[in-house]
Every structure is written in structure tokens, then in C-alpha cells.
């Protein structure tokens, strides 16, 4: 049996696979100061000697522990010694929602606003992280997609329209050069390396790192899984075996995704932006897995949601659809017609939302006037019953272009109680509407399925 190649060679091989052969001139690194991320910093530093890539390093200080500021300072000191620019990105939690999820989202947004023109940011997720992720998703009853684990690279567009510059209180240090461009890619070159190997590498180089005390806090699910995984390893469940399972699930996921895209091409029709129209009989003839993927993809597309709904709730909605009832889930509504299924935004998710012209409504619609004559007091809110009646009174159409119950959640421009515009007015030139899905300009349901 041949020994594994040295970690530095494995890192170079993975960087070549993920970014080569034409490497970008600049790469960002997200370095927390923990053992894995500091090892990645040293690996990347030594790798650049051969490839001439410039590194930009950022540490997100979540401010959740008293030690976090000194840990960020330690990373900055190491970067100064290595000769790379460093920035500390500060976040202040507003105490709403789940702190871990809020911190994850904030990390992605801060890195997005920091990175300038850099398109690739390295994260130090390891083989241990991959194994823990698979176990956690297995415990939640995840299917193929969840058990595929983390991708070695993935695109992120957390900000819908623009990236506001970081303020002096949010960023201490230097950011990459270049004008900000939408979207960046997370790259995980250490995903096949164990935490023990990474720390051994840093130790041999006499590198520095800090151990986050929350990694021993049993109130966090990942910590409990980490300890459970250590026991399972004693009984023969290796990290490598879990990673191989994730790789097999990745192949299965990709095949199922290709089947989904084929179903979208065969069954979907062009409709208003932000709605999905499917052939009902064709949907009923699909296998259950493809039905579920098509349904949850439509829900996510309509609601511009990053995550799919829970499996149990999705199963119940699918049963209702196949029995002709329809239903609401995940901020979307499925309307079952005689020949078609229509997935639209749920009015309950948007009926309280009001936005001024030129800002984002419902996280996915940007509506602005096409000339300077628009009243500054105009707002965007959903069409609703009153808007539907006003629209019918003004148009010369014997049959509405879409059903009444499918139109109510559409965005509309209002001047006090008067309807000024909605997407049903195809020939209305006073307003321009652009829809975004997860930060990207909407290019249709098929394109959405291809990218997710």
C-alpha cells in the first residue's frame, strides 16, 4: 500500500482541480484563527511560491466571545509575518433568529462586501467537517441531496442587488483591489484532509492557532455530533467511509438533477415572472422522486428561498396536489387546475410588505419608474383584491391573463389607494420591473434548476 502524498502536494492537486489550470491572480481566504483555517493559510502561502497568486485574508469577528478580537489580531499578525494583507470584519448580532444561522449568513455577506473584484474565497472545511455534516443531515432524515454533504466549491450571491461598502467600524484592515462584481465562489481545498493532518502540518511549521472553547460546548448540535463521531470511529466508522458515502450521494444527486431539468423542459410553460406553470397530467406521470424535486424547486424559485422545505411537509403537500387539493408551503402556493399546476407566491407571506420605489420588495422584485414623472410617495405592495378589481376595470380583455387567485400576490405600484402598475400590464411603459432570485437576475425556472 502506498502512502498518501504529503499534505502540501495534496493541497496543490486540489487547487489545480478546483481552480486550474489558469489560476486567478488574486484569491481570498476566510481564516478564523482555528487550527484548520491557519493550516490552510500556511498551505496557501507555500503554494503561492510556485503559482504567483496573491492572497487576501479576512477574519470575521462575530463578537460573540470576549476572545474573538484577540484571535483576529493573531491572524493579522501571522499575515503580516507572511507578507499578506489582512482585514478583520466585524459583525454585531441583533439577537434575532438562530445565532449560528445568523452568524453564517453574516459571514457570507461580510466576505462578499469585502472581496472587491476577487471571485474565489477559500474556506477551510475539512474531512471531519464533511463527516459531521453527513451525520447531522442523516439525523434530520435528509435524502440524497443532504447526504451528499458539502460541495468542494459552490457559488454564493448573498446580496440581492448591490454590495454596500464596508464602513470603518465593520472593516479593520485591507480589502482586495478591483470593482465589486456580483457573485463569488466558495472553494474548499481541504475537504479531503483530516483535522488531525491539518493541525500536524501547522504544528510542524511551528504555526499558531487558537482553540475555540465553543467547540467543547454541548449545547451546540455539531459539538455533540463531533463527540458521537469519535465514538463511532472506535467501532469502525471512519471519516473516509463517510466521505465516500457523500461522494456516491453526489453522483446520485447529479443524476437526479439531470432528470429534474428534463422534466422542467418537458412540462413547464412560460408564464409571468416569479410563477411556475406545469402540465398536470405530465407531473402525475413522473416518478415520485422527480415529482418531489420539481415541486420543491418550484417552491424555492417562487419564494426565492435558499433552502428547501422540510421533507415531511413536502410529502404532505405532494399528496394534496396529486389528490387535486393544492396547498401552501414555504411561502408559495400551489393551485391545481383542470390541466395545469400553477405555483405562485403565497399572499400570506407578502401582504404586510411595503417598499418604496427603487428598493427591493419581497427580497426579489426591484421596481423603478422609467421617467422622472413618478410621484415620490408611490410604494410597492402586493396587488390584492382591490388592485385586481382596479386592473379589471381599466383593461379591455374579456378573459384575464391569469386566474384571479394567482394574481393577488403579484407586486404592484400604488399611489395612495390607486393602482399605478402591475406585471399584468404588459404594455405599460411607466415602470420597469426586474426580478431577482437569490441575488441573481431571474433568467427563468429552468436556469434556476440548472444552478441548484
Protein backbone atom coordinates (compact mmCIF):
# COMPACT_ATOMS: atom_id res chain seq x y z
CA UNK A 1 0.00 0.00 0.00
CA UNK A 2 1.40 3.38 -0.97
CA UNK A 3 1.39 6.23 1.50
CA UNK A 4 -0.70 9.33 0.89
CA UNK A 5 1.26 12.17 -0.75
CA UNK A 6 2.40 14.99 1.55
CA UNK A 7 -0.30 17.44 2.56
CA UNK A 8 1.28 20.26 0.58
CA UNK A 9 1.10 18.18 -2.60
CA UNK A 10 -2.49 17.20 -1.88
CA UNK A 11 -3.36 20.87 -1.44
CA UNK A 12 -1.69 21.77 -4.74
CA UNK A 13 -3.51 18.96 -6.53
CA UNK A 14 -6.87 20.08 -5.13
CA UNK A 15 -6.25 23.72 -6.02
CA UNK A 16 -5.41 22.61 -9.54
CA UNK A 17 -8.60 20.57 -9.76
CA UNK A 18 -10.82 23.34 -8.38
CA UNK A 19 -9.21 26.43 -9.90
CA UNK A 20 -6.67 25.40 -12.56
CA UNK A 21 -5.13 25.36 -14.98
CA UNK A 22 -5.47 29.15 -15.40
CA UNK A 23 -5.39 30.34 -11.82
CA UNK A 24 -6.85 33.72 -10.86
CA UNK A 25 -4.35 36.42 -9.99
CA UNK A 26 -5.95 37.05 -6.57
CA UNK A 27 -7.66 34.70 -4.12
CA UNK A 28 -9.40 35.45 -0.83
CA UNK A 29 -9.06 33.34 2.31
CA UNK A 30 -11.53 33.19 5.18
CA UNK A 31 -9.34 32.48 8.23
CA UNK A 32 -10.91 32.29 11.67
CA UNK A 33 -7.72 31.56 13.61
CA UNK A 34 -8.64 27.94 14.37
CA UNK A 35 -6.31 25.06 13.58
CA UNK A 36 -7.89 24.13 10.24
CA UNK A 37 -8.03 27.65 8.83
CA UNK A 38 -4.49 28.53 9.97
CA UNK A 39 -3.19 25.34 8.36
CA UNK A 40 -4.97 26.36 5.14
CA UNK A 41 -3.30 29.78 5.36
CA UNK A 42 0.14 28.17 5.61
CA UNK A 43 -0.66 25.71 2.82
CA UNK A 44 -1.86 28.51 0.55
CA UNK A 45 1.16 30.67 1.43
CA UNK A 46 3.60 27.92 0.43
CA UNK A 47 1.54 27.08 -2.67
CA UNK A 48 1.81 30.65 -3.97
CA UNK A 49 5.61 30.33 -4.23
CA UNK A 50 5.06 28.17 -7.31
CA UNK A 51 2.00 29.85 -8.84
CA UNK A 52 2.41 33.57 -8.13
CA UNK A 53 -1.12 34.10 -6.84
CA UNK A 54 -1.77 36.98 -4.46
CA UNK A 55 -3.64 36.18 -1.24
CA UNK A 56 -6.09 38.40 0.62
CA UNK A 57 -7.05 37.25 4.11
CA UNK A 58 -10.14 38.13 6.14
CA UNK A 59 -11.21 37.14 9.64
CA UNK A 60 -14.85 37.59 10.60
CA UNK A 61 -15.14 38.68 14.22
CA UNK A 62 -18.65 37.71 15.24
CA UNK A 63 -18.24 39.42 18.60
CA UNK A 64 -19.92 36.53 20.41
CA UNK A 65 -16.94 35.79 22.69
CA UNK A 66 -14.58 38.16 24.54
CA UNK A 67 -11.56 36.44 22.96
CA UNK A 68 -12.66 36.91 19.34
CA UNK A 69 -10.95 40.28 18.85
CA UNK A 70 -7.57 38.98 20.07
CA UNK A 71 -7.93 35.90 17.85
CA UNK A 72 -8.49 38.13 14.81
CA UNK A 73 -5.43 40.17 15.85
CA UNK A 74 -3.38 36.95 15.99
CA UNK A 75 -4.37 36.12 12.40
CA UNK A 76 -3.47 39.66 11.33
CA UNK A 77 -0.04 39.28 12.96
CA UNK A 78 0.64 36.00 11.18
CA UNK A 79 -0.42 37.53 7.86
CA UNK A 80 1.95 40.45 8.46
CA UNK A 81 4.81 38.00 9.04
CA UNK A 82 3.89 36.03 5.91
CA UNK A 83 3.51 39.21 3.88
CA UNK A 84 -0.21 39.11 3.07
CA UNK A 85 -2.85 41.83 3.63
CA UNK A 86 -5.44 41.11 6.29
CA UNK A 87 -8.79 42.57 7.32
CA UNK A 88 -10.94 41.98 10.37
CA UNK A 89 -14.66 42.09 9.51
CA UNK A 90 -16.87 42.89 12.46
CA UNK A 91 -20.46 41.74 12.95
CA UNK A 92 -22.95 42.75 15.62
CA UNK A 93 -25.78 40.31 16.20
CA UNK A 94 -29.22 41.86 16.63
CA UNK A 95 -30.33 38.86 18.74
CA UNK A 96 -32.99 37.81 16.24
CA UNK A 97 -33.29 34.25 14.98
CA UNK A 98 -30.87 31.38 15.46
CA UNK A 99 -27.42 32.71 16.31
CA UNK A 100 -25.49 30.08 14.35
CA UNK A 101 -27.55 30.56 11.20
CA UNK A 102 -27.41 34.35 11.57
CA UNK A 103 -23.62 34.20 12.02
CA UNK A 104 -23.23 32.01 8.92
CA UNK A 105 -25.28 34.39 6.79
CA UNK A 106 -23.44 37.42 8.16
CA UNK A 107 -20.09 35.78 7.40
CA UNK A 108 -21.03 35.25 3.77
CA UNK A 109 -22.36 38.80 3.41
CA UNK A 110 -19.35 40.46 5.06
CA UNK A 111 -16.95 38.47 2.90
CA UNK A 112 -18.98 39.43 -0.16
CA UNK A 113 -18.75 43.14 0.65
CA UNK A 114 -15.02 42.83 1.45
CA UNK A 115 -13.78 40.86 -1.55
CA UNK A 116 -13.99 43.60 -4.22
CA UNK A 117 -13.21 42.03 -7.59
CA UNK A 118 -11.93 38.73 -6.16
CA UNK A 119 -14.14 35.85 -7.35
CA UNK A 120 -12.79 32.95 -5.23
CA UNK A 121 -12.67 32.71 -1.43
CA UNK A 122 -11.08 29.68 0.26
CA UNK A 123 -12.81 28.10 3.27
CA UNK A 124 -11.03 25.55 5.48
CA UNK A 125 -13.76 22.92 5.86
CA UNK A 126 -12.08 19.58 6.45
CA UNK A 127 -12.83 15.88 6.14
CA UNK A 128 -14.07 15.95 9.75
CA UNK A 129 -16.48 18.78 8.91
CA UNK A 130 -17.79 16.79 5.96
CA UNK A 131 -18.35 13.70 8.11
CA UNK A 132 -20.09 15.73 10.81
CA UNK A 133 -22.33 17.35 8.20
CA UNK A 134 -23.36 13.97 6.79
CA UNK A 135 -24.17 12.62 10.27
CA UNK A 136 -26.19 15.73 11.20
CA UNK A 137 -28.20 15.54 8.00
CA UNK A 138 -28.75 11.83 8.46
CA UNK A 139 -30.16 12.57 11.92
CA UNK A 140 -32.58 15.06 10.33
CA UNK A 141 -33.77 12.44 7.86
CA UNK A 142 -32.17 14.06 4.82
CA UNK A 143 -32.33 12.40 1.43
CA UNK A 144 -29.77 12.16 -1.33
CA UNK A 145 -29.06 15.90 -1.51
CA UNK A 146 -28.37 16.23 2.20
CA UNK A 147 -26.20 13.12 2.39
CA UNK A 148 -24.10 14.44 -0.50
CA UNK A 149 -22.58 16.76 2.09
CA UNK A 150 -20.73 19.96 1.30
CA UNK A 151 -19.60 20.70 -2.24
CA UNK A 152 -15.91 21.29 -2.86
CA UNK A 153 -16.95 24.56 -4.48
CA UNK A 154 -20.19 26.47 -4.80
CA UNK A 155 -21.40 29.86 -5.94
CA UNK A 156 -22.72 32.39 -3.44
CA UNK A 157 -24.69 35.56 -4.16
CA UNK A 158 -25.97 36.69 -0.76
CA UNK A 159 -26.71 40.32 -1.64
CA UNK A 160 -29.71 40.84 -3.96
CA UNK A 161 -28.72 43.95 -5.90
CA UNK A 162 -25.55 45.59 -4.70
CA UNK A 163 -22.85 45.27 -2.09
CA UNK A 164 -22.75 48.29 0.21
CA UNK A 165 -19.16 49.30 1.02
CA UNK A 166 -17.96 48.22 4.44
CA UNK A 167 -17.80 51.02 6.99
CA UNK A 168 -14.74 51.76 9.13
CA UNK A 169 -16.44 50.07 12.08
CA UNK A 170 -17.14 46.93 10.02
CA UNK A 171 -13.70 46.50 8.42
CA UNK A 172 -10.31 46.97 10.06
CA UNK A 173 -7.56 46.40 7.51
CA UNK A 174 -7.19 45.97 3.77
CA UNK A 175 -9.57 44.60 1.17
CA UNK A 176 -8.90 43.27 -2.31
CA UNK A 177 -8.49 45.61 -5.25
CA UNK A 178 -10.96 45.88 -8.07
CA UNK A 179 -14.57 46.88 -8.51
CA UNK A 180 -17.14 44.67 -6.80
CA UNK A 181 -18.91 42.27 -9.16
CA UNK A 182 -21.99 40.16 -8.34
CA UNK A 183 -21.34 36.66 -7.07
CA UNK A 184 -18.33 34.76 -5.79
CA UNK A 185 -17.32 31.16 -5.36
CA UNK A 186 -16.54 29.35 -2.11
CA UNK A 187 -13.67 26.91 -2.64
CA UNK A 188 -12.87 24.16 -0.11
CA UNK A 189 -9.44 22.71 -0.96
CA UNK A 190 -9.08 20.98 2.44
CA UNK A 191 -12.33 19.00 2.28
CA UNK A 192 -10.45 15.72 1.82
CA UNK A 193 -7.94 16.41 4.62
CA UNK A 194 -8.48 15.37 8.21
CA UNK A 195 -8.40 17.83 11.07
CA UNK A 196 -5.52 15.86 12.60
CA UNK A 197 -3.45 16.13 9.39
CA UNK A 198 -4.07 19.85 9.10
CA UNK A 199 -3.05 20.53 12.66
CA UNK A 200 0.01 18.31 12.32
CA UNK A 201 1.06 20.37 9.29
CA UNK A 202 0.64 23.62 11.23
CA UNK A 203 2.49 22.16 14.22
CA UNK A 204 5.48 21.03 12.10
CA UNK A 205 5.73 24.57 10.68
CA UNK A 206 5.55 25.92 14.24
CA UNK A 207 2.44 27.80 13.26
CA UNK A 208 -0.07 29.41 15.58
CA UNK A 209 -3.76 28.81 16.11
CA UNK A 210 -6.42 29.08 18.79
CA UNK A 211 -8.96 26.55 20.01
CA UNK A 212 -12.46 27.95 20.13
CA UNK A 213 -13.98 26.98 23.52
CA UNK A 214 -17.42 26.69 21.90
CA UNK A 215 -16.08 23.56 20.17
CA UNK A 216 -16.50 21.87 23.55
CA UNK A 217 -19.94 23.33 24.29
CA UNK A 218 -22.51 20.52 24.21
CA UNK A 219 -25.34 23.00 23.70
CA UNK A 220 -24.35 23.07 20.00
CA UNK A 221 -25.55 20.15 17.90
CA UNK A 222 -22.33 19.96 15.88
CA UNK A 223 -20.26 19.56 19.06
CA UNK A 224 -22.46 16.68 20.22
CA UNK A 225 -22.17 15.03 16.81
CA UNK A 226 -18.39 15.50 16.87
CA UNK A 227 -18.16 13.64 20.16
CA UNK A 228 -20.54 10.93 18.95
CA UNK A 229 -18.49 10.53 15.77
CA UNK A 230 -15.36 9.95 17.84
CA UNK A 231 -17.12 7.02 19.50
CA UNK A 232 -18.36 5.66 16.17
CA UNK A 233 -14.83 5.76 14.81
CA UNK A 234 -13.79 3.41 17.59
CA UNK A 235 -16.34 0.93 16.21
CA UNK A 236 -15.01 1.21 12.67
CA UNK A 237 -16.98 4.07 11.10
CA UNK A 238 -14.16 6.08 9.56
CA UNK A 239 -14.16 9.63 8.28
CA UNK A 240 -13.09 8.31 4.90
CA UNK A 241 -16.09 5.97 4.74
CA UNK A 242 -18.48 8.83 5.43
CA UNK A 243 -16.73 10.96 2.80
CA UNK A 244 -17.04 8.13 0.26
CA UNK A 245 -20.76 7.91 1.04
CA UNK A 246 -21.04 11.64 0.40
CA UNK A 247 -19.25 11.23 -2.95
CA UNK A 248 -21.64 8.46 -4.01
CA UNK A 249 -24.60 10.56 -2.96
CA UNK A 250 -23.15 13.43 -5.00
CA UNK A 251 -23.18 11.25 -8.12
CA UNK A 252 -26.76 10.21 -7.41
CA UNK A 253 -27.78 13.83 -6.78
CA UNK A 254 -26.29 14.98 -10.07
CA UNK A 255 -28.13 12.23 -11.98
CA UNK A 256 -31.42 13.11 -10.30
CA UNK A 257 -30.83 16.77 -11.01
CA UNK A 258 -30.40 15.99 -14.71
CA UNK A 259 -33.73 14.15 -14.65
CA UNK A 260 -35.34 17.17 -12.97
CA UNK A 261 -34.11 19.53 -15.67
CA UNK A 262 -35.51 17.21 -18.32
CA UNK A 263 -38.91 17.27 -16.61
CA UNK A 264 -38.83 21.08 -16.44
CA UNK A 265 -38.18 21.27 -20.19
CA UNK A 266 -40.97 18.83 -20.97
CA UNK A 267 -43.65 20.08 -18.57
CA UNK A 268 -43.20 23.76 -17.81
CA UNK A 269 -44.57 26.70 -19.77
CA UNK A 270 -43.63 30.34 -19.94
CA UNK A 271 -45.72 32.39 -17.55
CA UNK A 272 -45.38 35.59 -15.56
CA UNK A 273 -42.00 36.13 -13.85
CA UNK A 274 -41.92 34.50 -10.46
CA UNK A 275 -44.55 31.86 -11.22
CA UNK A 276 -44.24 28.26 -12.40
CA UNK A 277 -46.79 26.59 -14.67
CA UNK A 278 -46.68 22.80 -15.10
CA UNK A 279 -48.67 20.26 -17.09
CA UNK A 280 -50.78 18.42 -14.50
CA UNK A 281 -51.02 15.04 -16.25
CA UNK A 282 -47.33 15.07 -17.08
CA UNK A 283 -46.47 15.84 -13.46
CA UNK A 284 -48.67 13.00 -12.23
CA UNK A 285 -46.87 10.56 -14.58
CA UNK A 286 -43.41 11.32 -13.15
CA UNK A 287 -41.71 9.07 -10.61
CA UNK A 288 -42.13 10.25 -7.02
CA UNK A 289 -38.53 11.46 -6.59
CA UNK A 290 -38.71 13.68 -9.67
CA UNK A 291 -42.14 14.96 -8.61
CA UNK A 292 -40.69 15.94 -5.24
CA UNK A 293 -37.67 17.64 -6.77
CA UNK A 294 -39.82 19.53 -9.24
CA UNK A 295 -42.23 20.62 -6.53
CA UNK A 296 -39.61 21.81 -4.03
CA UNK A 297 -37.59 23.53 -6.77
CA UNK A 298 -40.71 25.42 -7.84
CA UNK A 299 -41.41 26.44 -4.24
CA UNK A 300 -37.86 27.72 -3.78
CA UNK A 301 -37.89 29.54 -7.13
CA UNK A 302 -41.17 31.32 -6.44
CA UNK A 303 -40.20 32.29 -2.87
CA UNK A 304 -36.54 33.00 -3.79
CA UNK A 305 -35.57 30.69 -0.94
CA UNK A 306 -32.10 29.28 -0.37
CA UNK A 307 -33.31 26.16 1.46
CA UNK A 308 -35.85 23.54 0.52
CA UNK A 309 -38.81 22.91 2.83
CA UNK A 310 -38.78 20.04 5.30
CA UNK A 311 -39.27 16.61 3.78
CA UNK A 312 -42.35 15.70 5.83
CA UNK A 313 -44.18 18.91 4.90
CA UNK A 314 -43.21 18.46 1.24
CA UNK A 315 -44.54 14.91 1.26
CA UNK A 316 -47.88 16.10 2.61
CA UNK A 317 -48.17 18.84 0.01
CA UNK A 318 -47.32 16.42 -2.80
CA UNK A 319 -50.10 14.10 -1.62
CA UNK A 320 -52.55 17.01 -1.64
CA UNK A 321 -51.51 18.03 -5.15
CA UNK A 322 -51.90 14.53 -6.55
CA UNK A 323 -55.37 14.34 -4.99
CA UNK A 324 -56.32 17.66 -6.57
CA UNK A 325 -56.29 19.86 -3.47
CA UNK A 326 -53.18 22.04 -3.77
CA UNK A 327 -51.91 23.94 -0.74
CA UNK A 328 -49.34 26.39 0.65
CA UNK A 329 -45.80 25.77 1.86
CA UNK A 330 -42.50 27.63 2.12
CA UNK A 331 -44.04 30.98 1.21
CA UNK A 332 -45.58 29.65 -2.01
CA UNK A 333 -48.98 28.34 -3.06
CA UNK A 334 -49.79 25.51 -5.47
CA UNK A 335 -53.04 25.99 -7.38
CA UNK A 336 -54.38 22.84 -9.01
CA UNK A 337 -56.32 23.48 -12.21
CA UNK A 338 -58.02 21.11 -14.62
CA UNK A 339 -54.95 20.83 -16.84
CA UNK A 340 -52.20 22.73 -15.08
CA UNK A 341 -50.47 23.24 -11.77
CA UNK A 342 -49.53 26.83 -11.00
CA UNK A 343 -47.04 27.71 -8.26
CA UNK A 344 -47.31 31.33 -7.09
CA UNK A 345 -46.18 33.45 -4.16
CA UNK A 346 -48.40 32.99 -1.11
CA UNK A 347 -50.33 36.16 -0.25
CA UNK A 348 -49.85 35.40 3.44
CA UNK A 349 -46.09 35.79 3.01
CA UNK A 350 -46.26 39.26 1.41
CA UNK A 351 -49.47 41.01 2.43
CA UNK A 352 -47.71 43.18 5.06
CA UNK A 353 -44.72 44.11 2.88
CA UNK A 354 -44.39 47.68 1.62
CA UNK A 355 -41.33 49.16 -0.09
CA UNK A 356 -40.55 52.49 -1.77
CA UNK A 357 -39.89 52.55 -5.49
CA UNK A 358 -36.32 51.69 -6.36
CA UNK A 359 -35.80 49.34 -3.42
CA UNK A 360 -36.25 45.58 -3.16
CA UNK A 361 -39.78 44.31 -2.49
CA UNK A 362 -40.18 40.81 -1.05
CA UNK A 363 -36.45 40.24 -1.48
CA UNK A 364 -36.88 39.62 -5.20
CA UNK A 365 -38.62 42.47 -7.05
CA UNK A 366 -36.91 45.75 -7.94
CA UNK A 367 -39.36 48.22 -9.49
CA UNK A 368 -38.47 51.75 -10.57
CA UNK A 369 -40.04 54.43 -12.79
CA UNK A 370 -38.85 54.81 -16.38
CA UNK A 371 -39.02 58.62 -16.25
CA UNK A 372 -38.89 61.43 -13.70
CA UNK A 373 -42.64 61.99 -13.51
CA UNK A 374 -43.35 59.32 -10.88
CA UNK A 375 -44.59 60.56 -7.53
CA UNK A 376 -42.07 60.12 -4.73
CA UNK A 377 -44.80 58.81 -2.45
CA UNK A 378 -45.57 55.80 -4.64
CA UNK A 379 -44.94 52.46 -2.92
CA UNK A 380 -44.77 48.80 -3.89
CA UNK A 381 -47.07 46.30 -2.23
CA UNK A 382 -48.97 43.24 -3.41
CA UNK A 383 -51.81 43.59 -5.94
CA UNK A 384 -54.50 42.13 -3.66
CA UNK A 385 -58.24 42.15 -4.18
CA UNK A 386 -58.52 45.90 -4.59
CA UNK A 387 -55.76 46.01 -7.17
CA UNK A 388 -57.33 43.13 -9.10
CA UNK A 389 -60.63 45.00 -9.32
CA UNK A 390 -58.91 48.21 -10.44
CA UNK A 391 -56.93 46.35 -13.08
CA UNK A 392 -60.05 44.64 -14.49
CA UNK A 393 -61.82 47.99 -14.68
CA UNK A 394 -59.04 49.51 -16.79
CA UNK A 395 -58.23 46.81 -19.32
CA UNK A 396 -60.14 45.73 -22.39
CA UNK A 397 -59.73 41.97 -22.06
CA UNK A 398 -62.64 39.52 -21.95
CA UNK A 399 -60.56 36.93 -20.06
CA UNK A 400 -57.82 37.69 -17.50
CA UNK A 401 -54.33 36.56 -18.50
CA UNK A 402 -54.01 34.52 -15.28
CA UNK A 403 -56.55 33.33 -12.71
CA UNK A 404 -57.68 35.71 -10.01
CA UNK A 405 -56.13 33.68 -7.18
CA UNK A 406 -52.77 33.56 -8.99
CA UNK A 407 -52.58 37.34 -9.43
CA UNK A 408 -53.20 38.58 -5.91
CA UNK A 409 -49.60 38.18 -4.64
CA UNK A 410 -48.00 39.98 -7.61
CA UNK A 411 -46.12 43.21 -6.88
CA UNK A 412 -47.92 46.44 -7.72
CA UNK A 413 -47.14 50.14 -7.64
CA UNK A 414 -49.63 52.18 -5.64
CA UNK A 415 -50.24 55.90 -5.27
CA UNK A 416 -52.21 56.01 -2.03
CA UNK A 417 -55.23 53.77 -2.86
CA UNK A 418 -54.82 54.00 -6.64
CA UNK A 419 -53.19 51.20 -8.64
CA UNK A 420 -50.49 52.64 -10.93
CA UNK A 421 -48.90 49.46 -12.33
CA UNK A 422 -48.63 45.67 -12.01
CA UNK A 423 -46.97 42.97 -14.18
CA UNK A 424 -50.31 42.22 -15.86
CA UNK A 425 -49.93 45.49 -17.80
CA UNK A 426 -47.51 44.24 -20.45
CA UNK A 427 -47.78 47.47 -22.49
CA UNK A 428 -47.44 49.85 -19.51
CA UNK A 429 -44.17 51.76 -20.06
CA UNK A 430 -44.09 53.96 -16.95
CA UNK A 431 -42.37 51.41 -14.71
CA UNK A 432 -39.54 48.93 -15.10
CA UNK A 433 -39.61 45.69 -13.08
CA UNK A 434 -36.63 43.40 -12.56
CA UNK A 435 -36.93 40.17 -10.61
CA UNK A 436 -34.05 38.57 -8.71
CA UNK A 437 -33.80 35.01 -7.43
CA UNK A 438 -31.32 34.54 -4.59
CA UNK A 439 -29.49 37.65 -5.69
CA UNK A 440 -29.34 36.80 -9.39
CA UNK A 441 -31.38 38.41 -12.12
CA UNK A 442 -34.20 35.99 -12.93
CA UNK A 443 -33.47 34.02 -16.11
CA UNK A 444 -36.31 31.54 -15.73
CA UNK A 445 -37.22 28.40 -13.86
CA UNK A 446 -35.09 26.04 -15.99
CA UNK A 447 -31.96 28.14 -15.40
CA UNK A 448 -32.75 28.17 -11.67
CA UNK A 449 -32.94 24.35 -11.61
CA UNK A 450 -29.67 24.06 -13.53
CA UNK A 451 -27.84 26.19 -10.98
CA UNK A 452 -29.22 24.45 -7.88
